[in-house]
Every structure is written in structure tokens, then in C-alpha cells.
Amino acid sequence: MERTEKGYRLSTGREVYAHRGLIGISVSDRDSDEDSHGFEISEGYDGHLDVNGHYDYVSNGVVEAWTEAEKLELADFMIQQWQAFREKVTALRNANKNGVVPPSGAERG
């Protein structure tokens, strides 16, 4: 996945809108087509990524479901983001233990 001006582009070429680059995931308590395998995939502060496809009544067209490879690409990308965050937090914690003062703003990540 690569960052674009309005979100991301998957290796398949699929463009994904994500306000401010934000993509989230949570366990869904709904039994509907809006979730993916029991998970809600979101973008921005209140958007939804419909990875299962649907009929778009606004554009009168079908939004195709994501392929398994696209879903896995998204999952791998998100795992990498969380691992990078964890590494940053751990590095700052270790620096603080050793009496090293992080550069200005580094404590915010």
C-alpha cells in the first residue's frame, strides 16, 4: 500500500479514500453486510470501508468486493503501522530509563 493525496493505493491499483490517512478496525456486534468477518473497517473519523462490496445508490453502480489479497494487504499494512508505533514507544521508554532526553516533540511520536 502506498499513501496518496486522498488515502491509499493498494498494489492492485484499488484507490482507498481515508480521511487524514486514518484506517481503523474494531470487532463488530452487527450481523450485517457492513462488517467483514465480524469486523468493522473504518476510515477517517466516521467513514466506512466496505470491503465486501455493495450497490451504490448514489452513483447507480456496484462497488466491487475486495479480493482476499487486498484484505490481507490492508491487514499487513495495519500490523506494520502498529509495530512501528510500538517500537517508537519502546525506544522512548528505554531512552527515558537511561536518562536520555528525547528531542523536542519526540515524546508525542
N, C-alpha and C. Protein backbone atom coordinates (compact mmCIF):
# COMPACT_ATOMS: atom_id res chain seq x y z
N MET A 1 0.85 -1.18 0.00
CA MET A 1 0.00 0.00 0.00
C MET A 1 0.89 1.23 0.00
N GLU A 2 0.45 2.21 -0.74
CA GLU A 2 1.18 3.47 -0.73
C GLU A 2 0.22 4.61 -0.44
N ARG A 3 0.71 5.61 0.24
CA ARG A 3 -0.10 6.77 0.61
C ARG A 3 -0.34 7.63 -0.63
N THR A 4 -1.54 8.13 -0.77
CA THR A 4 -1.88 9.06 -1.84
C THR A 4 -2.41 10.34 -1.20
N GLU A 5 -2.75 11.29 -2.02
CA GLU A 5 -3.28 12.56 -1.51
C GLU A 5 -4.58 12.36 -0.73
N LYS A 6 -5.39 11.40 -1.14
CA LYS A 6 -6.70 11.21 -0.51
C LYS A 6 -6.83 9.91 0.27
N GLY A 7 -5.76 9.17 0.43
CA GLY A 7 -5.85 7.91 1.16
C GLY A 7 -4.70 6.99 0.81
N TYR A 8 -5.05 5.85 0.16
CA TYR A 8 -4.05 4.84 -0.16
C TYR A 8 -4.35 4.20 -1.50
N ARG A 9 -3.32 3.60 -2.08
CA ARG A 9 -3.47 2.81 -3.29
C ARG A 9 -2.91 1.42 -2.98
N LEU A 10 -3.72 0.41 -3.19
CA LEU A 10 -3.27 -0.96 -2.98
C LEU A 10 -2.44 -1.41 -4.18
N SER A 11 -1.71 -2.49 -4.01
CA SER A 11 -0.85 -2.98 -5.10
C SER A 11 -1.67 -3.37 -6.32
N THR A 12 -2.96 -3.65 -6.15
CA THR A 12 -3.83 -4.00 -7.27
C THR A 12 -4.27 -2.76 -8.05
N GLY A 13 -3.98 -1.58 -7.49
CA GLY A 13 -4.41 -0.34 -8.12
C GLY A 13 -5.67 0.24 -7.50
N ARG A 14 -6.34 -0.51 -6.63
CA ARG A 14 -7.56 -0.02 -5.99
C ARG A 14 -7.22 1.22 -5.15
N GLU A 15 -8.00 2.28 -5.35
CA GLU A 15 -7.84 3.52 -4.58
C GLU A 15 -8.76 3.46 -3.36
N VAL A 16 -8.23 3.78 -2.21
CA VAL A 16 -8.98 3.74 -0.97
C VAL A 16 -8.98 5.13 -0.35
N TYR A 17 -10.16 5.72 -0.18
CA TYR A 17 -10.25 7.01 0.48
C TYR A 17 -10.12 6.79 1.98
N ALA A 18 -9.26 7.59 2.62
CA ALA A 18 -9.10 7.53 4.08
C ALA A 18 -8.77 8.94 4.56
N HIS A 19 -9.76 9.61 5.13
CA HIS A 19 -9.58 10.97 5.63
C HIS A 19 -8.38 11.01 6.57
N ARG A 20 -7.42 11.90 6.26
CA ARG A 20 -6.18 12.07 7.03
C ARG A 20 -5.36 10.78 7.12
N GLY A 21 -5.61 9.82 6.24
CA GLY A 21 -4.87 8.58 6.22
C GLY A 21 -5.26 7.60 7.31
N LEU A 22 -6.38 7.87 7.98
CA LEU A 22 -6.78 7.05 9.12
C LEU A 22 -7.61 5.84 8.68
N ILE A 23 -7.17 4.67 9.11
CA ILE A 23 -7.92 3.44 8.90
C ILE A 23 -7.99 2.75 10.24
N GLY A 24 -9.17 2.26 10.59
CA GLY A 24 -9.35 1.60 11.88
C GLY A 24 -10.07 0.27 11.74
N ILE A 25 -10.03 -0.50 12.81
CA ILE A 25 -10.71 -1.79 12.83
C ILE A 25 -11.24 -2.03 14.23
N SER A 26 -12.42 -2.60 14.30
CA SER A 26 -12.99 -2.98 15.59
C SER A 26 -13.88 -4.19 15.40
N VAL A 27 -14.09 -4.92 16.47
CA VAL A 27 -14.99 -6.06 16.42
C VAL A 27 -16.40 -5.52 16.25
N SER A 28 -17.13 -6.09 15.32
CA SER A 28 -18.49 -5.63 15.04
C SER A 28 -19.49 -6.48 15.80
N ASP A 29 -20.48 -5.82 16.38
CA ASP A 29 -21.56 -6.55 17.05
C ASP A 29 -22.78 -6.67 16.15
N ARG A 30 -22.63 -6.23 14.89
CA ARG A 30 -23.74 -6.30 13.95
C ARG A 30 -23.61 -7.52 13.06
N ASP A 31 -24.72 -8.11 12.74
CA ASP A 31 -24.75 -9.23 11.81
C ASP A 31 -25.32 -8.70 10.49
N SER A 32 -24.46 -8.00 9.75
CA SER A 32 -24.93 -7.40 8.50
C SER A 32 -23.83 -7.44 7.45
N ASP A 33 -24.14 -6.97 6.26
CA ASP A 33 -23.16 -6.93 5.19
C ASP A 33 -22.13 -5.83 5.41
N GLU A 34 -22.35 -4.96 6.40
CA GLU A 34 -21.43 -3.85 6.60
C GLU A 34 -20.14 -4.25 7.31
N ASP A 35 -20.09 -5.44 7.83
CA ASP A 35 -18.86 -5.84 8.50
C ASP A 35 -18.15 -6.91 7.69
N SER A 36 -16.90 -7.15 8.00
CA SER A 36 -16.10 -8.12 7.28
C SER A 36 -15.62 -9.18 8.24
N HIS A 37 -16.22 -10.34 8.18
CA HIS A 37 -15.81 -11.46 9.03
C HIS A 37 -15.88 -11.09 10.51
N GLY A 38 -16.88 -10.30 10.89
CA GLY A 38 -17.05 -9.92 12.29
C GLY A 38 -16.31 -8.66 12.68
N PHE A 39 -15.76 -7.94 11.71
CA PHE A 39 -15.03 -6.70 11.99
C PHE A 39 -15.60 -5.54 11.20
N GLU A 40 -15.56 -4.38 11.80
CA GLU A 40 -15.93 -3.13 11.14
C GLU A 40 -14.63 -2.45 10.73
N ILE A 41 -14.48 -2.14 9.44
CA ILE A 41 -13.30 -1.45 8.93
C ILE A 41 -13.71 -0.01 8.65
N SER A 42 -13.02 0.93 9.25
CA SER A 42 -13.42 2.33 9.13
C SER A 42 -12.29 3.17 8.55
N GLU A 43 -12.64 4.38 8.14
CA GLU A 43 -11.66 5.34 7.65
C GLU A 43 -12.02 6.71 8.20
N GLY A 44 -11.01 7.54 8.39
CA GLY A 44 -11.25 8.88 8.89
C GLY A 44 -11.89 8.86 10.26
N TYR A 45 -12.74 9.83 10.53
CA TYR A 45 -13.36 9.89 11.85
C TYR A 45 -14.74 9.26 11.89
N ASP A 46 -15.37 9.05 10.74
CA ASP A 46 -16.69 8.42 10.76
C ASP A 46 -17.03 7.67 9.47
N GLY A 47 -16.02 7.38 8.67
CA GLY A 47 -16.27 6.70 7.41
C GLY A 47 -16.20 5.19 7.54
N HIS A 48 -16.63 4.51 6.51
CA HIS A 48 -16.67 3.05 6.50
C HIS A 48 -16.01 2.55 5.22
N LEU A 49 -15.14 1.56 5.34
CA LEU A 49 -14.57 0.90 4.16
C LEU A 49 -15.36 -0.37 3.93
N ASP A 50 -16.11 -0.40 2.86
CA ASP A 50 -16.94 -1.56 2.56
C ASP A 50 -16.12 -2.56 1.75
N VAL A 51 -15.44 -3.45 2.45
CA VAL A 51 -14.58 -4.42 1.77
C VAL A 51 -15.36 -5.57 1.16
N ASN A 52 -16.66 -5.67 1.48
CA ASN A 52 -17.48 -6.76 0.96
C ASN A 52 -18.25 -6.39 -0.30
N GLY A 53 -18.16 -5.12 -0.73
CA GLY A 53 -18.87 -4.69 -1.92
C GLY A 53 -20.33 -4.40 -1.63
N HIS A 54 -20.93 -3.60 -2.48
CA HIS A 54 -22.34 -3.24 -2.32
C HIS A 54 -22.81 -2.49 -3.57
N TYR A 55 -24.09 -2.26 -3.63
CA TYR A 55 -24.64 -1.43 -4.69
C TYR A 55 -24.71 0.00 -4.19
N ASP A 56 -24.10 0.92 -4.92
CA ASP A 56 -24.06 2.33 -4.53
C ASP A 56 -25.23 3.05 -5.20
N TYR A 57 -26.22 3.42 -4.40
CA TYR A 57 -27.43 4.07 -4.93
C TYR A 57 -27.17 5.49 -5.42
N VAL A 58 -26.09 6.11 -4.91
CA VAL A 58 -25.76 7.47 -5.34
C VAL A 58 -25.24 7.47 -6.77
N SER A 59 -24.30 6.57 -7.05
CA SER A 59 -23.71 6.52 -8.39
C SER A 59 -24.37 5.50 -9.30
N ASN A 60 -25.37 4.77 -8.77
CA ASN A 60 -26.05 3.71 -9.53
C ASN A 60 -25.06 2.69 -10.09
N GLY A 61 -24.10 2.31 -9.26
CA GLY A 61 -23.12 1.32 -9.69
C GLY A 61 -22.76 0.38 -8.56
N VAL A 62 -22.14 -0.70 -8.92
CA VAL A 62 -21.73 -1.69 -7.95
C VAL A 62 -20.30 -1.39 -7.51
N VAL A 63 -20.08 -1.37 -6.20
CA VAL A 63 -18.74 -1.27 -5.65
C VAL A 63 -18.28 -2.70 -5.42
N GLU A 64 -17.25 -3.10 -6.12
CA GLU A 64 -16.81 -4.49 -6.05
C GLU A 64 -16.18 -4.82 -4.71
N ALA A 65 -16.44 -6.03 -4.25
CA ALA A 65 -15.84 -6.51 -3.01
C ALA A 65 -14.32 -6.60 -3.17
N TRP A 66 -13.62 -6.40 -2.07
CA TRP A 66 -12.17 -6.54 -2.08
C TRP A 66 -11.81 -8.01 -2.24
N THR A 67 -10.70 -8.26 -2.90
CA THR A 67 -10.21 -9.63 -3.01
C THR A 67 -9.57 -10.04 -1.69
N GLU A 68 -9.37 -11.32 -1.53
CA GLU A 68 -8.68 -11.81 -0.33
C GLU A 68 -7.29 -11.18 -0.23
N ALA A 69 -6.59 -11.07 -1.35
CA ALA A 69 -5.25 -10.48 -1.37
C ALA A 69 -5.28 -9.02 -0.91
N GLU A 70 -6.31 -8.27 -1.33
CA GLU A 70 -6.42 -6.87 -0.91
C GLU A 70 -6.69 -6.76 0.58
N LYS A 71 -7.54 -7.63 1.11
CA LYS A 71 -7.82 -7.62 2.55
C LYS A 71 -6.56 -7.94 3.34
N LEU A 72 -5.80 -8.93 2.87
CA LEU A 72 -4.57 -9.30 3.55
C LEU A 72 -3.52 -8.19 3.45
N GLU A 73 -3.48 -7.49 2.32
CA GLU A 73 -2.55 -6.37 2.17
C GLU A 73 -2.87 -5.28 3.18
N LEU A 74 -4.16 -4.98 3.35
CA LEU A 74 -4.58 -3.99 4.34
C LEU A 74 -4.19 -4.44 5.75
N ALA A 75 -4.46 -5.71 6.06
CA ALA A 75 -4.13 -6.24 7.39
C ALA A 75 -2.62 -6.14 7.65
N ASP A 76 -1.81 -6.53 6.68
CA ASP A 76 -0.36 -6.47 6.85
C ASP A 76 0.12 -5.03 7.03
N PHE A 77 -0.47 -4.12 6.27
CA PHE A 77 -0.12 -2.71 6.39
C PHE A 77 -0.43 -2.18 7.80
N MET A 78 -1.62 -2.51 8.30
CA MET A 78 -2.01 -2.04 9.63
C MET A 78 -1.13 -2.66 10.71
N ILE A 79 -0.79 -3.93 10.57
CA ILE A 79 0.12 -4.57 11.53
C ILE A 79 1.46 -3.85 11.55
N GLN A 80 1.98 -3.49 10.37
CA GLN A 80 3.25 -2.76 10.29
C GLN A 80 3.15 -1.40 10.98
N GLN A 81 2.01 -0.71 10.81
CA GLN A 81 1.82 0.59 11.46
C GLN A 81 1.87 0.45 12.98
N TRP A 82 1.16 -0.53 13.53
CA TRP A 82 1.13 -0.74 14.98
C TRP A 82 2.49 -1.19 15.50
N GLN A 83 3.21 -2.01 14.73
CA GLN A 83 4.54 -2.43 15.17
C GLN A 83 5.49 -1.24 15.21
N ALA A 84 5.41 -0.35 14.22
CA ALA A 84 6.26 0.84 14.22
C ALA A 84 5.94 1.73 15.42
N PHE A 85 4.66 1.86 15.75
CA PHE A 85 4.25 2.64 16.91
C PHE A 85 4.82 2.03 18.19
N ARG A 86 4.70 0.70 18.30
CA ARG A 86 5.21 0.00 19.48
C ARG A 86 6.72 0.19 19.63
N GLU A 87 7.44 0.08 18.51
CA GLU A 87 8.90 0.26 18.54
C GLU A 87 9.26 1.67 19.00
N LYS A 88 8.53 2.66 18.54
CA LYS A 88 8.78 4.06 18.93
C LYS A 88 8.55 4.24 20.43
N VAL A 89 7.44 3.70 20.95
CA VAL A 89 7.13 3.81 22.38
C VAL A 89 8.21 3.11 23.20
N THR A 90 8.61 1.92 22.76
CA THR A 90 9.64 1.17 23.48
C THR A 90 10.96 1.91 23.48
N ALA A 91 11.35 2.48 22.34
CA ALA A 91 12.61 3.22 22.25
C ALA A 91 12.59 4.43 23.18
N LEU A 92 11.46 5.14 23.24
CA LEU A 92 11.37 6.30 24.12
C LEU A 92 11.40 5.88 25.59
N ARG A 93 10.74 4.78 25.92
CA ARG A 93 10.77 4.28 27.28
C ARG A 93 12.19 3.92 27.69
N ASN A 94 12.90 3.22 26.81
CA ASN A 94 14.28 2.83 27.10
C ASN A 94 15.19 4.04 27.22
N ALA A 95 14.97 5.04 26.38
CA ALA A 95 15.78 6.26 26.45
C ALA A 95 15.55 6.96 27.78
N ASN A 96 14.29 7.02 28.20
CA ASN A 96 13.97 7.66 29.49
C ASN A 96 14.59 6.91 30.65
N LYS A 97 14.61 5.58 30.59
CA LYS A 97 15.23 4.78 31.65
C LYS A 97 16.72 5.05 31.75
N ASN A 98 17.33 5.33 30.62
CA ASN A 98 18.78 5.57 30.57
C ASN A 98 19.12 7.04 30.76
N GLY A 99 18.14 7.85 31.08
CA GLY A 99 18.38 9.27 31.32
C GLY A 99 18.59 10.10 30.09
N VAL A 100 18.23 9.56 28.93
CA VAL A 100 18.37 10.31 27.68
C VAL A 100 17.09 11.11 27.47
N VAL A 101 17.24 12.38 27.23
CA VAL A 101 16.08 13.24 26.98
C VAL A 101 15.77 13.20 25.48
N PRO A 102 14.54 12.78 25.13
CA PRO A 102 14.20 12.73 23.69
C PRO A 102 14.16 14.13 23.09
N PRO A 103 14.40 14.23 21.79
CA PRO A 103 14.31 15.53 21.13
C PRO A 103 12.92 16.12 21.28
N SER A 104 12.82 17.43 21.19
CA SER A 104 11.54 18.11 21.34
C SER A 104 10.51 17.54 20.39
N GLY A 105 9.34 17.18 20.93
CA GLY A 105 8.24 16.64 20.12
C GLY A 105 8.30 15.14 19.97
N ALA A 106 9.43 14.50 20.26
CA ALA A 106 9.56 13.06 20.07
C ALA A 106 8.66 12.27 21.00
N GLU A 107 8.38 12.84 22.18
CA GLU A 107 7.53 12.12 23.13
C GLU A 107 6.12 11.95 22.61
N ARG A 108 5.72 12.76 21.62
CA ARG A 108 4.39 12.63 21.03
C ARG A 108 4.38 11.62 19.90
N GLY A 109 5.53 11.21 19.45
CA GLY A 109 5.60 10.23 18.36
C GLY A 109 5.54 10.93 17.08
